[in-house]
Amino acid sequence: QTVQLLETAIAARNKESLKSAVKKAADMTPPFEHALIGTATELVARIEKEEEVIAGLKKAMAARDRAQLVELLTQATEMELEADEVRQGEALKLRLEEEEATIDSI
């Protein structure tokens, strides 16, 4: 039952379900040990990092902060993160670079 709960949470990539499943396994007596617990814990950490990068991208896009965009887009690329915010950030970065080039050429 716990293994099925872990498998379902991992497949759904649902952070709260993953945390709940890991907690349930840890609260068992004796604590339930399975490779899926490590997988679930790693996935929670990844999802939290993705959320952090996406939130940063939203903030950098709102501020039109090219340096911050470059840094966050680099992190997104390293993580192989695919999200609308990444595509929007890449488009804005290009636009900001074009605007800077136009200003420099004047």
PDB file of N, CA and C in Angstrom:
ATOM      1  N   GLN A   1       0.823  -1.187   0.000  1.00  0.00           N
ATOM      2  CA  GLN A   1       0.000   0.000   0.000  1.00  0.00           C
ATOM      3  C   GLN A   1       0.873   1.258   0.000  1.00  0.00           C
ATOM      4  N   THR A   2       1.902   1.297   0.827  1.00  0.00           N
ATOM      5  CA  THR A   2       2.803   2.450   0.880  1.00  0.00           C
ATOM      6  C   THR A   2       3.585   2.580  -0.423  1.00  0.00           C
ATOM      7  N   VAL A   3       4.002   1.446  -0.971  1.00  0.00           N
ATOM      8  CA  VAL A   3       4.724   1.473  -2.250  1.00  0.00           C
ATOM      9  C   VAL A   3       3.817   2.039  -3.343  1.00  0.00           C
ATOM     10  N   GLN A   4       2.573   1.618  -3.366  1.00  0.00           N
ATOM     11  CA  GLN A   4       1.630   2.124  -4.364  1.00  0.00           C
ATOM     12  C   GLN A   4       1.418   3.627  -4.195  1.00  0.00           C
ATOM     13  N   LEU A   5       1.332   4.088  -2.963  1.00  0.00           N
ATOM     14  CA  LEU A   5       1.170   5.508  -2.677  1.00  0.00           C
ATOM     15  C   LEU A   5       2.376   6.295  -3.192  1.00  0.00           C
ATOM     16  N   LEU A   6       3.566   5.760  -2.950  1.00  0.00           N
ATOM     17  CA  LEU A   6       4.789   6.401  -3.439  1.00  0.00           C
ATOM     18  C   LEU A   6       4.830   6.422  -4.972  1.00  0.00           C
ATOM     19  N   GLU A   7       4.502   5.292  -5.583  1.00  0.00           N
ATOM     20  CA  GLU A   7       4.510   5.215  -7.056  1.00  0.00           C
ATOM     21  C   GLU A   7       3.536   6.216  -7.662  1.00  0.00           C
ATOM     22  N   THR A   8       2.355   6.328  -7.098  1.00  0.00           N
ATOM     23  CA  THR A   8       1.338   7.247  -7.608  1.00  0.00           C
ATOM     24  C   THR A   8       1.809   8.694  -7.456  1.00  0.00           C
ATOM     25  N   ALA A   9       2.368   9.034  -6.305  1.00  0.00           N
ATOM     26  CA  ALA A   9       2.842  10.393  -6.054  1.00  0.00           C
ATOM     27  C   ALA A   9       3.996  10.755  -6.984  1.00  0.00           C
ATOM     28  N   ILE A  10       4.893   9.802  -7.225  1.00  0.00           N
ATOM     29  CA  ILE A  10       6.028  10.039  -8.126  1.00  0.00           C
ATOM     30  C   ILE A  10       5.522  10.253  -9.549  1.00  0.00           C
ATOM     31  N   ALA A  11       4.603   9.420  -9.989  1.00  0.00           N
ATOM     32  CA  ALA A  11       4.063   9.544 -11.350  1.00  0.00           C
ATOM     33  C   ALA A  11       3.346  10.878 -11.547  1.00  0.00           C
ATOM     34  N   ALA A  12       2.661  11.341 -10.508  1.00  0.00           N
ATOM     35  CA  ALA A  12       1.895  12.590 -10.608  1.00  0.00           C
ATOM     36  C   ALA A  12       2.782  13.828 -10.418  1.00  0.00           C
ATOM     37  N   ARG A  13       3.981  13.646  -9.902  1.00  0.00           N
ATOM     38  CA  ARG A  13       4.886  14.778  -9.589  1.00  0.00           C
ATOM     39  C   ARG A  13       4.180  15.822  -8.718  1.00  0.00           C
ATOM     40  N   ASN A  14       3.412  15.336  -7.750  1.00  0.00           N
ATOM     41  CA  ASN A  14       2.679  16.223  -6.857  1.00  0.00           C
ATOM     42  C   ASN A  14       3.460  16.341  -5.553  1.00  0.00           C
ATOM     43  N   LYS A  15       3.972  17.539  -5.295  1.00  0.00           N
ATOM     44  CA  LYS A  15       4.856  17.748  -4.150  1.00  0.00           C
ATOM     45  C   LYS A  15       4.199  17.368  -2.827  1.00  0.00           C
ATOM     46  N   GLU A  16       2.972  17.791  -2.621  1.00  0.00           N
ATOM     47  CA  GLU A  16       2.310  17.501  -1.352  1.00  0.00           C
ATOM     48  C   GLU A  16       2.044  16.010  -1.186  1.00  0.00           C
ATOM     49  N   SER A  17       1.656  15.336  -2.258  1.00  0.00           N
ATOM     50  CA  SER A  17       1.445  13.882  -2.195  1.00  0.00           C
ATOM     51  C   SER A  17       2.755  13.163  -1.907  1.00  0.00           C
ATOM     52  N   LEU A  18       3.828  13.641  -2.513  1.00  0.00           N
ATOM     53  CA  LEU A  18       5.139  13.037  -2.274  1.00  0.00           C
ATOM     54  C   LEU A  18       5.549  13.191  -0.810  1.00  0.00           C
ATOM     55  N   LYS A  19       5.400  14.401  -0.289  1.00  0.00           N
ATOM     56  CA  LYS A  19       5.753  14.641   1.112  1.00  0.00           C
ATOM     57  C   LYS A  19       4.905  13.774   2.039  1.00  0.00           C
ATOM     58  N   SER A  20       3.628  13.667   1.732  1.00  0.00           N
ATOM     59  CA  SER A  20       2.723  12.867   2.549  1.00  0.00           C
ATOM     60  C   SER A  20       3.120  11.393   2.529  1.00  0.00           C
ATOM     61  N   ALA A  21       3.451  10.892   1.343  1.00  0.00           N
ATOM     62  CA  ALA A  21       3.831   9.485   1.221  1.00  0.00           C
ATOM     63  C   ALA A  21       5.132   9.200   1.967  1.00  0.00           C
ATOM     64  N   VAL A  22       6.094  10.107   1.870  1.00  0.00           N
ATOM     65  CA  VAL A  22       7.374   9.927   2.568  1.00  0.00           C
ATOM     66  C   VAL A  22       7.143   9.970   4.076  1.00  0.00           C
ATOM     67  N   LYS A  23       6.313  10.901   4.539  1.00  0.00           N
ATOM     68  CA  LYS A  23       6.010  11.000   5.971  1.00  0.00           C
ATOM     69  C   LYS A  23       5.312   9.745   6.470  1.00  0.00           C
ATOM     70  N   LYS A  24       4.372   9.250   5.674  1.00  0.00           N
ATOM     71  CA  LYS A  24       3.650   8.026   6.072  1.00  0.00           C
ATOM     72  C   LYS A  24       4.627   6.867   6.236  1.00  0.00           C
ATOM     73  N   ALA A  25       5.564   6.755   5.298  1.00  0.00           N
ATOM     74  CA  ALA A  25       6.553   5.677   5.376  1.00  0.00           C
ATOM     75  C   ALA A  25       7.444   5.853   6.604  1.00  0.00           C
ATOM     76  N   ALA A  26       7.837   7.087   6.907  1.00  0.00           N
ATOM     77  CA  ALA A  26       8.711   7.353   8.053  1.00  0.00           C
ATOM     78  C   ALA A  26       7.993   7.125   9.385  1.00  0.00           C
ATOM     79  N   ASP A  27       6.684   7.367   9.388  1.00  0.00           N
ATOM     80  CA  ASP A  27       5.904   7.232  10.633  1.00  0.00           C
ATOM     81  C   ASP A  27       5.546   5.787  10.974  1.00  0.00           C
ATOM     82  N   MET A  28       5.788   4.868  10.047  1.00  0.00           N
ATOM     83  CA  MET A  28       5.473   3.464  10.314  1.00  0.00           C
ATOM     84  C   MET A  28       6.442   2.903  11.365  1.00  0.00           C
ATOM     85  N   THR A  29       5.992   1.884  12.075  1.00  0.00           N
ATOM     86  CA  THR A  29       6.846   1.243  13.071  1.00  0.00           C
ATOM     87  C   THR A  29       7.063  -0.204  12.680  1.00  0.00           C
ATOM     88  N   PRO A  30       8.282  -0.624  12.364  1.00  0.00           N
ATOM     89  CA  PRO A  30       9.451   0.236  12.163  1.00  0.00           C
ATOM     90  C   PRO A  30       9.291   1.068  10.888  1.00  0.00           C
ATOM     91  N   PRO A  31      10.098   2.131  10.746  1.00  0.00           N
ATOM     92  CA  PRO A  31       9.972   2.959   9.536  1.00  0.00           C
ATOM     93  C   PRO A  31      10.124   2.124   8.270  1.00  0.00           C
ATOM     94  N   PHE A  32       9.256   2.387   7.311  1.00  0.00           N
ATOM     95  CA  PHE A  32       9.272   1.655   6.045  1.00  0.00           C
ATOM     96  C   PHE A  32      10.444   2.143   5.217  1.00  0.00           C
ATOM     97  N   GLU A  33      11.245   1.218   4.722  1.00  0.00           N
ATOM     98  CA  GLU A  33      12.400   1.583   3.899  1.00  0.00           C
ATOM     99  C   GLU A  33      12.228   0.975   2.523  1.00  0.00           C
ATOM    100  N   HIS A  34      12.407   1.816   1.516  1.00  0.00           N
ATOM    101  CA  HIS A  34      12.273   1.372   0.133  1.00  0.00           C
ATOM    102  C   HIS A  34      13.006   2.371  -0.749  1.00  0.00           C
ATOM    103  N   ALA A  35      13.510   1.913  -1.876  1.00  0.00           N
ATOM    104  CA  ALA A  35      14.227   2.798  -2.805  1.00  0.00           C
ATOM    105  C   ALA A  35      13.348   3.954  -3.280  1.00  0.00           C
ATOM    106  N   LEU A  36      12.052   3.711  -3.340  1.00  0.00           N
ATOM    107  CA  LEU A  36      11.139   4.760  -3.812  1.00  0.00           C
ATOM    108  C   LEU A  36      11.096   5.953  -2.856  1.00  0.00           C
ATOM    109  N   ILE A  37      11.424   5.746  -1.588  1.00  0.00           N
ATOM    110  CA  ILE A  37      11.441   6.861  -0.635  1.00  0.00           C
ATOM    111  C   ILE A  37      12.534   7.849  -1.031  1.00  0.00           C
ATOM    112  N   GLY A  38      13.689   7.344  -1.387  1.00  0.00           N
ATOM    113  CA  GLY A  38      14.783   8.207  -1.859  1.00  0.00           C
ATOM    114  C   GLY A  38      14.405   8.924  -3.139  1.00  0.00           C
ATOM    115  N   THR A  39      13.771   8.204  -4.042  1.00  0.00           N
ATOM    116  CA  THR A  39      13.328   8.801  -5.298  1.00  0.00           C
ATOM    117  C   THR A  39      12.323   9.910  -5.030  1.00  0.00           C
ATOM    118  N   ALA A  40      11.393   9.651  -4.136  1.00  0.00           N
ATOM    119  CA  ALA A  40      10.362  10.650  -3.805  1.00  0.00           C
ATOM    120  C   ALA A  40      10.984  11.871  -3.144  1.00  0.00           C
ATOM    121  N   THR A  41      11.923  11.657  -2.239  1.00  0.00           N
ATOM    122  CA  THR A  41      12.593  12.765  -1.554  1.00  0.00           C
ATOM    123  C   THR A  41      13.378  13.626  -2.543  1.00  0.00           C
ATOM    124  N   GLU A  42      14.087  12.978  -3.461  1.00  0.00           N
ATOM    125  CA  GLU A  42      14.834  13.707  -4.489  1.00  0.00           C
ATOM    126  C   GLU A  42      13.891  14.493  -5.394  1.00  0.00           C
ATOM    127  N   LEU A  43      12.749  13.909  -5.713  1.00  0.00           N
ATOM    128  CA  LEU A  43      11.784  14.572  -6.577  1.00  0.00           C
ATOM    129  C   LEU A  43      11.189  15.801  -5.895  1.00  0.00           C
ATOM    130  N   VAL A  44      10.937  15.712  -4.595  1.00  0.00           N
ATOM    131  CA  VAL A  44      10.447  16.873  -3.846  1.00  0.00           C
ATOM    132  C   VAL A  44      11.478  18.002  -3.931  1.00  0.00           C
ATOM    133  N   ALA A  45      12.745  17.670  -3.723  1.00  0.00           N
ATOM    134  CA  ALA A  45      13.805  18.683  -3.790  1.00  0.00           C
ATOM    135  C   ALA A  45      13.868  19.298  -5.187  1.00  0.00           C
ATOM    136  N   ARG A  46      13.725  18.484  -6.208  1.00  0.00           N
ATOM    137  CA  ARG A  46      13.753  18.998  -7.585  1.00  0.00           C
ATOM    138  C   ARG A  46      12.561  19.922  -7.844  1.00  0.00           C
ATOM    139  N   ILE A  47      11.382  19.506  -7.427  1.00  0.00           N
ATOM    140  CA  ILE A  47      10.186  20.322  -7.642  1.00  0.00           C
ATOM    141  C   ILE A  47      10.337  21.664  -6.923  1.00  0.00           C
ATOM    142  N   GLU A  48      10.866  21.640  -5.713  1.00  0.00           N
ATOM    143  CA  GLU A  48      11.063  22.881  -4.968  1.00  0.00           C
ATOM    144  C   GLU A  48      12.072  23.786  -5.666  1.00  0.00           C
ATOM    145  N   LYS A  49      13.124  23.211  -6.231  1.00  0.00           N
ATOM    146  CA  LYS A  49      14.116  24.007  -6.976  1.00  0.00           C
ATOM    147  C   LYS A  49      13.473  24.573  -8.246  1.00  0.00           C
ATOM    148  N   GLU A  50      12.666  23.770  -8.927  1.00  0.00           N
ATOM    149  CA  GLU A  50      11.959  24.255 -10.124  1.00  0.00           C
ATOM    150  C   GLU A  50      11.054  25.426  -9.759  1.00  0.00           C
ATOM    151  N   GLU A  51      10.330  25.291  -8.646  1.00  0.00           N
ATOM    152  CA  GLU A  51       9.442  26.372  -8.207  1.00  0.00           C
ATOM    153  C   GLU A  51      10.234  27.643  -7.906  1.00  0.00           C
ATOM    154  N   GLU A  52      11.402  27.468  -7.316  1.00  0.00           N
ATOM    155  CA  GLU A  52      12.271  28.600  -6.987  1.00  0.00           C
ATOM    156  C   GLU A  52      12.748  29.304  -8.266  1.00  0.00           C
ATOM    157  N   VAL A  53      13.173  28.530  -9.250  1.00  0.00           N
ATOM    158  CA  VAL A  53      13.651  29.097 -10.509  1.00  0.00           C
ATOM    159  C   VAL A  53      12.503  29.802 -11.241  1.00  0.00           C
ATOM    160  N   ILE A  54      11.346  29.172 -11.288  1.00  0.00           N
ATOM    161  CA  ILE A  54      10.189  29.768 -11.974  1.00  0.00           C
ATOM    162  C   ILE A  54       9.771  31.069 -11.288  1.00  0.00           C
ATOM    163  N   ALA A  55       9.744  31.077  -9.957  1.00  0.00           N
ATOM    164  CA  ALA A  55       9.398  32.305  -9.230  1.00  0.00           C
ATOM    165  C   ALA A  55      10.424  33.399  -9.512  1.00  0.00           C
ATOM    166  N   GLY A  56      11.689  33.018  -9.558  1.00  0.00           N
ATOM    167  CA  GLY A  56      12.748  33.980  -9.879  1.00  0.00           C
ATOM    168  C   GLY A  56      12.610  34.530 -11.280  1.00  0.00           C
ATOM    169  N   LEU A  57      12.265  33.655 -12.225  1.00  0.00           N
ATOM    170  CA  LEU A  57      12.064  34.100 -13.605  1.00  0.00           C
ATOM    171  C   LEU A  57      10.913  35.100 -13.696  1.00  0.00           C
ATOM    172  N   LYS A  58       9.822  34.819 -13.008  1.00  0.00           N
ATOM    173  CA  LYS A  58       8.680  35.737 -13.022  1.00  0.00           C
ATOM    174  C   LYS A  58       9.096  37.106 -12.496  1.00  0.00           C
ATOM    175  N   LYS A  59       9.840  37.099 -11.405  1.00  0.00           N
ATOM    176  CA  LYS A  59      10.294  38.354 -10.801  1.00  0.00           C
ATOM    177  C   LYS A  59      11.259  39.094 -11.738  1.00  0.00           C
ATOM    178  N   ALA A  60      12.199  38.360 -12.323  1.00  0.00           N
ATOM    179  CA  ALA A  60      13.176  38.983 -13.233  1.00  0.00           C
ATOM    180  C   ALA A  60      12.499  39.520 -14.484  1.00  0.00           C
ATOM    181  N   MET A  61      11.488  38.805 -14.987  1.00  0.00           N
ATOM    182  CA  MET A  61      10.766  39.287 -16.169  1.00  0.00           C
ATOM    183  C   MET A  61       9.993  40.558 -15.832  1.00  0.00           C
ATOM    184  N   ALA A  62       9.358  40.588 -14.676  1.00  0.00           N
ATOM    185  CA  ALA A  62       8.595  41.773 -14.276  1.00  0.00           C
ATOM    186  C   ALA A  62       9.513  42.982 -14.136  1.00  0.00           C
ATOM    187  N   ALA A  63      10.745  42.742 -13.648  1.00  0.00           N
ATOM    188  CA  ALA A  63      11.710  43.825 -13.461  1.00  0.00           C
ATOM    189  C   ALA A  63      12.530  44.103 -14.728  1.00  0.00           C
ATOM    190  N   ARG A  64      12.365  43.245 -15.742  1.00  0.00           N
ATOM    191  CA  ARG A  64      13.157  43.344 -16.978  1.00  0.00           C
ATOM    192  C   ARG A  64      14.656  43.347 -16.657  1.00  0.00           C
ATOM    193  N   ASP A  65      15.027  42.467 -15.746  1.00  0.00           N
ATOM    194  CA  ASP A  65      16.410  42.361 -15.264  1.00  0.00           C
ATOM    195  C   ASP A  65      17.148  41.300 -16.088  1.00  0.00           C
ATOM    196  N   ARG A  66      17.896  41.761 -17.087  1.00  0.00           N
ATOM    197  CA  ARG A  66      18.558  40.834 -18.004  1.00  0.00           C
ATOM    198  C   ARG A  66      19.589  39.956 -17.299  1.00  0.00           C
ATOM    199  N   ALA A  67      20.367  40.539 -16.398  1.00  0.00           N
ATOM    200  CA  ALA A  67      21.400  39.761 -15.698  1.00  0.00           C
ATOM    201  C   ALA A  67      20.760  38.619 -14.894  1.00  0.00           C
ATOM    202  N   GLN A  68      19.684  38.927 -14.206  1.00  0.00           N
ATOM    203  CA  GLN A  68      18.989  37.900 -13.419  1.00  0.00           C
ATOM    204  C   GLN A  68      18.369  36.855 -14.340  1.00  0.00           C
ATOM    205  N   LEU A  69      17.812  37.308 -15.466  1.00  0.00           N
ATOM    206  CA  LEU A  69      17.242  36.367 -16.436  1.00  0.00           C
ATOM    207  C   LEU A  69      18.301  35.390 -16.927  1.00  0.00           C
ATOM    208  N   VAL A  70      19.471  35.922 -17.275  1.00  0.00           N
ATOM    209  CA  VAL A  70      20.554  35.071 -17.785  1.00  0.00           C
ATOM    210  C   VAL A  70      20.922  34.015 -16.744  1.00  0.00           C
ATOM    211  N   GLU A  71      21.064  34.435 -15.490  1.00  0.00           N
ATOM    212  CA  GLU A  71      21.439  33.502 -14.424  1.00  0.00           C
ATOM    213  C   GLU A  71      20.378  32.412 -14.232  1.00  0.00           C
ATOM    214  N   LEU A  72      19.121  32.826 -14.182  1.00  0.00           N
ATOM    215  CA  LEU A  72      18.040  31.860 -13.959  1.00  0.00           C
ATOM    216  C   LEU A  72      17.827  30.956 -15.171  1.00  0.00           C
ATOM    217  N   LEU A  73      17.971  31.497 -16.362  1.00  0.00           N
ATOM    218  CA  LEU A  73      17.828  30.667 -17.563  1.00  0.00           C
ATOM    219  C   LEU A  73      18.956  29.639 -17.641  1.00  0.00           C
ATOM    220  N   THR A  74      20.136  30.009 -17.175  1.00  0.00           N
ATOM    221  CA  THR A  74      21.248  29.053 -17.115  1.00  0.00           C
ATOM    222  C   THR A  74      20.900  27.911 -16.164  1.00  0.00           C
ATOM    223  N   GLN A  75      20.350  28.262 -14.998  1.00  0.00           N
ATOM    224  CA  GLN A  75      19.935  27.224 -14.050  1.00  0.00           C
ATOM    225  C   GLN A  75      18.853  26.335 -14.661  1.00  0.00           C
ATOM    226  N   ALA A  76      17.890  26.955 -15.339  1.00  0.00           N
ATOM    227  CA  ALA A  76      16.804  26.184 -15.960  1.00  0.00           C
ATOM    228  C   ALA A  76      17.360  25.223 -17.005  1.00  0.00           C
ATOM    229  N   THR A  77      18.336  25.675 -17.781  1.00  0.00           N
ATOM    230  CA  THR A  77      18.945  24.821 -18.805  1.00  0.00           C
ATOM    231  C   THR A  77      19.685  23.656 -18.156  1.00  0.00           C
ATOM    232  N   GLU A  78      20.445  23.955 -17.099  1.00  0.00           N
ATOM    233  CA  GLU A  78      21.182  22.899 -16.398  1.00  0.00           C
ATOM    234  C   GLU A  78      20.237  21.856 -15.818  1.00  0.00           C
ATOM    235  N   MET A  79      19.056  22.300 -15.385  1.00  0.00           N
ATOM    236  CA  MET A  79      18.064  21.393 -14.805  1.00  0.00           C
ATOM    237  C   MET A  79      17.205  20.720 -15.872  1.00  0.00           C
ATOM    238  N   GLU A  80      17.365  21.151 -17.117  1.00  0.00           N
ATOM    239  CA  GLU A  80      16.503  20.698 -18.217  1.00  0.00           C
ATOM    240  C   GLU A  80      15.040  20.987 -17.884  1.00  0.00           C
ATOM    241  N   LEU A  81      14.816  22.169 -17.315  1.00  0.00           N
ATOM    242  CA  LEU A  81      13.485  22.601 -16.914  1.00  0.00           C
ATOM    243  C   LEU A  81      12.723  23.121 -18.128  1.00  0.00           C
ATOM    244  N   GLU A  82      11.549  22.557 -18.338  1.00  0.00           N
ATOM    245  CA  GLU A  82      10.693  23.001 -19.433  1.00  0.00           C
ATOM    246  C   GLU A  82       9.435  23.600 -18.819  1.00  0.00           C
ATOM    247  N   ALA A  83       9.253  24.902 -19.040  1.00  0.00           N
ATOM    248  CA  ALA A  83       8.083  25.590 -18.508  1.00  0.00           C
ATOM    249  C   ALA A  83       7.834  26.831 -19.357  1.00  0.00           C
ATOM    250  N   ASP A  84       6.605  27.291 -19.344  1.00  0.00           N
ATOM    251  CA  ASP A  84       6.269  28.497 -20.087  1.00  0.00           C
ATOM    252  C   ASP A  84       7.144  29.670 -19.664  1.00  0.00           C
ATOM    253  N   GLU A  85       7.413  29.760 -18.368  1.00  0.00           N
ATOM    254  CA  GLU A  85       8.222  30.867 -17.858  1.00  0.00           C
ATOM    255  C   GLU A  85       9.631  30.844 -18.439  1.00  0.00           C
ATOM    256  N   VAL A  86      10.162  29.664 -18.703  1.00  0.00           N
ATOM    257  CA  VAL A  86      11.492  29.560 -19.302  1.00  0.00           C
ATOM    258  C   VAL A  86      11.448  30.105 -20.727  1.00  0.00           C
ATOM    259  N   ARG A  87      10.439  29.696 -21.486  1.00  0.00           N
ATOM    260  CA  ARG A  87      10.311  30.182 -22.866  1.00  0.00           C
ATOM    261  C   ARG A  87      10.073  31.699 -22.896  1.00  0.00           C
ATOM    262  N   GLN A  88       9.237  32.184 -21.991  1.00  0.00           N
ATOM    263  CA  GLN A  88       8.973  33.621 -21.920  1.00  0.00           C
ATOM    264  C   GLN A  88      10.237  34.382 -21.512  1.00  0.00           C
ATOM    265  N   GLY A  89      10.990  33.830 -20.581  1.00  0.00           N
ATOM    266  CA  GLY A  89      12.238  34.454 -20.140  1.00  0.00           C
ATOM    267  C   GLY A  89      13.258  34.517 -21.261  1.00  0.00           C
ATOM    268  N   GLU A  90      13.342  33.434 -22.047  1.00  0.00           N
ATOM    269  CA  GLU A  90      14.272  33.428 -23.181  1.00  0.00           C
ATOM    270  C   GLU A  90      13.874  34.492 -24.206  1.00  0.00           C
ATOM    271  N   ALA A  91      12.591  34.604 -24.472  1.00  0.00           N
ATOM    272  CA  ALA A  91      12.111  35.606 -25.437  1.00  0.00           C
ATOM    273  C   ALA A  91      12.398  37.022 -24.932  1.00  0.00           C
ATOM    274  N   LEU A  92      12.158  37.262 -23.657  1.00  0.00           N
ATOM    275  CA  LEU A  92      12.412  38.585 -23.093  1.00  0.00           C
ATOM    276  C   LEU A  92      13.900  38.901 -23.096  1.00  0.00           C
ATOM    277  N   LYS A  93      14.723  37.915 -22.785  1.00  0.00           N
ATOM    278  CA  LYS A  93      16.184  38.123 -22.801  1.00  0.00           C
ATOM    279  C   LYS A  93      16.635  38.563 -24.182  1.00  0.00           C
ATOM    280  N   LEU A  94      16.138  37.895 -25.216  1.00  0.00           N
ATOM    281  CA  LEU A  94      16.495  38.277 -26.586  1.00  0.00           C
ATOM    282  C   LEU A  94      16.025  39.691 -26.903  1.00  0.00           C
ATOM    283  N   ARG A  95      14.817  40.001 -26.481  1.00  0.00           N
ATOM    284  CA  ARG A  95      14.286  41.340 -26.738  1.00  0.00           C
ATOM    285  C   ARG A  95      15.122  42.409 -26.029  1.00  0.00           C
ATOM    286  N   LEU A  96      15.490  42.150 -24.777  1.00  0.00           N
ATOM    287  CA  LEU A  96      16.315  43.097 -24.040  1.00  0.00           C
ATOM    288  C   LEU A  96      17.681  43.275 -24.693  1.00  0.00           C
ATOM    289  N   GLU A  97      18.239  42.182 -25.199  1.00  0.00           N
ATOM    290  CA  GLU A  97      19.528  42.266 -25.891  1.00  0.00           C
ATOM    291  C   GLU A  97      19.396  43.090 -27.173  1.00  0.00           C
ATOM    292  N   GLU A  98      18.281  42.894 -27.899  1.00  0.00           N
ATOM    293  CA  GLU A  98      18.040  43.673 -29.115  1.00  0.00           C
ATOM    294  C   GLU A  98      17.874  45.151 -28.778  1.00  0.00           C
ATOM    295  N   GLU A  99      17.157  45.445 -27.693  1.00  0.00           N
ATOM    296  CA  GLU A  99      16.969  46.835 -27.282  1.00  0.00           C
ATOM    297  C   GLU A  99      18.307  47.473 -26.912  1.00  0.00           C
ATOM    298  N   GLU A 100      19.144  46.730 -26.194  1.00  0.00           N
ATOM    299  CA  GLU A 100      20.466  47.256 -25.820  1.00  0.00           C
ATOM    300  C   GLU A 100      21.321  47.500 -27.053  1.00  0.00           C
ATOM    301  N   ALA A 101      21.259  46.588 -28.020  1.00  0.00           N
ATOM    302  CA  ALA A 101      22.037  46.757 -29.251  1.00  0.00           C
ATOM    303  C   ALA A 101      21.559  47.979 -30.024  1.00  0.00           C
ATOM    304  N   THR A 102      20.253  48.192 -30.043  1.00  0.00           N
ATOM    305  CA  THR A 102      19.696  49.359 -30.748  1.00  0.00           C
ATOM    306  C   THR A 102      20.143  50.645 -30.063  1.00  0.00           C
ATOM    307  N   ILE A 103      20.088  50.672 -28.751  1.00  0.00           N
ATOM    308  CA  ILE A 103      20.503  51.863 -28.002  1.00  0.00           C
ATOM    309  C   ILE A 103      21.996  52.125 -28.215  1.00  0.00           C
ATOM    310  N   ASP A 104      22.799  51.060 -28.197  1.00  0.00           N
ATOM    311  CA  ASP A 104      24.234  51.207 -28.408  1.00  0.00           C
ATOM    312  C   ASP A 104      24.563  51.721 -29.799  1.00  0.00           C
ATOM    313  N   SER A 105      23.733  51.412 -30.773  1.00  0.00           N
ATOM    314  CA  SER A 105      24.024  51.817 -32.150  1.00  0.00           C
ATOM    315  C   SER A 105      23.598  53.253 -32.444  1.00  0.00           C
ATOM    316  N   ILE A 106      22.878  53.849 -31.508  1.00  0.00           N
ATOM    317  CA  ILE A 106      22.406  55.235 -31.728  1.00  0.00           C
ATOM    318  C   ILE A 106      23.506  56.221 -31.395  1.00  0.00           C
TER     319      ILE A 106
END
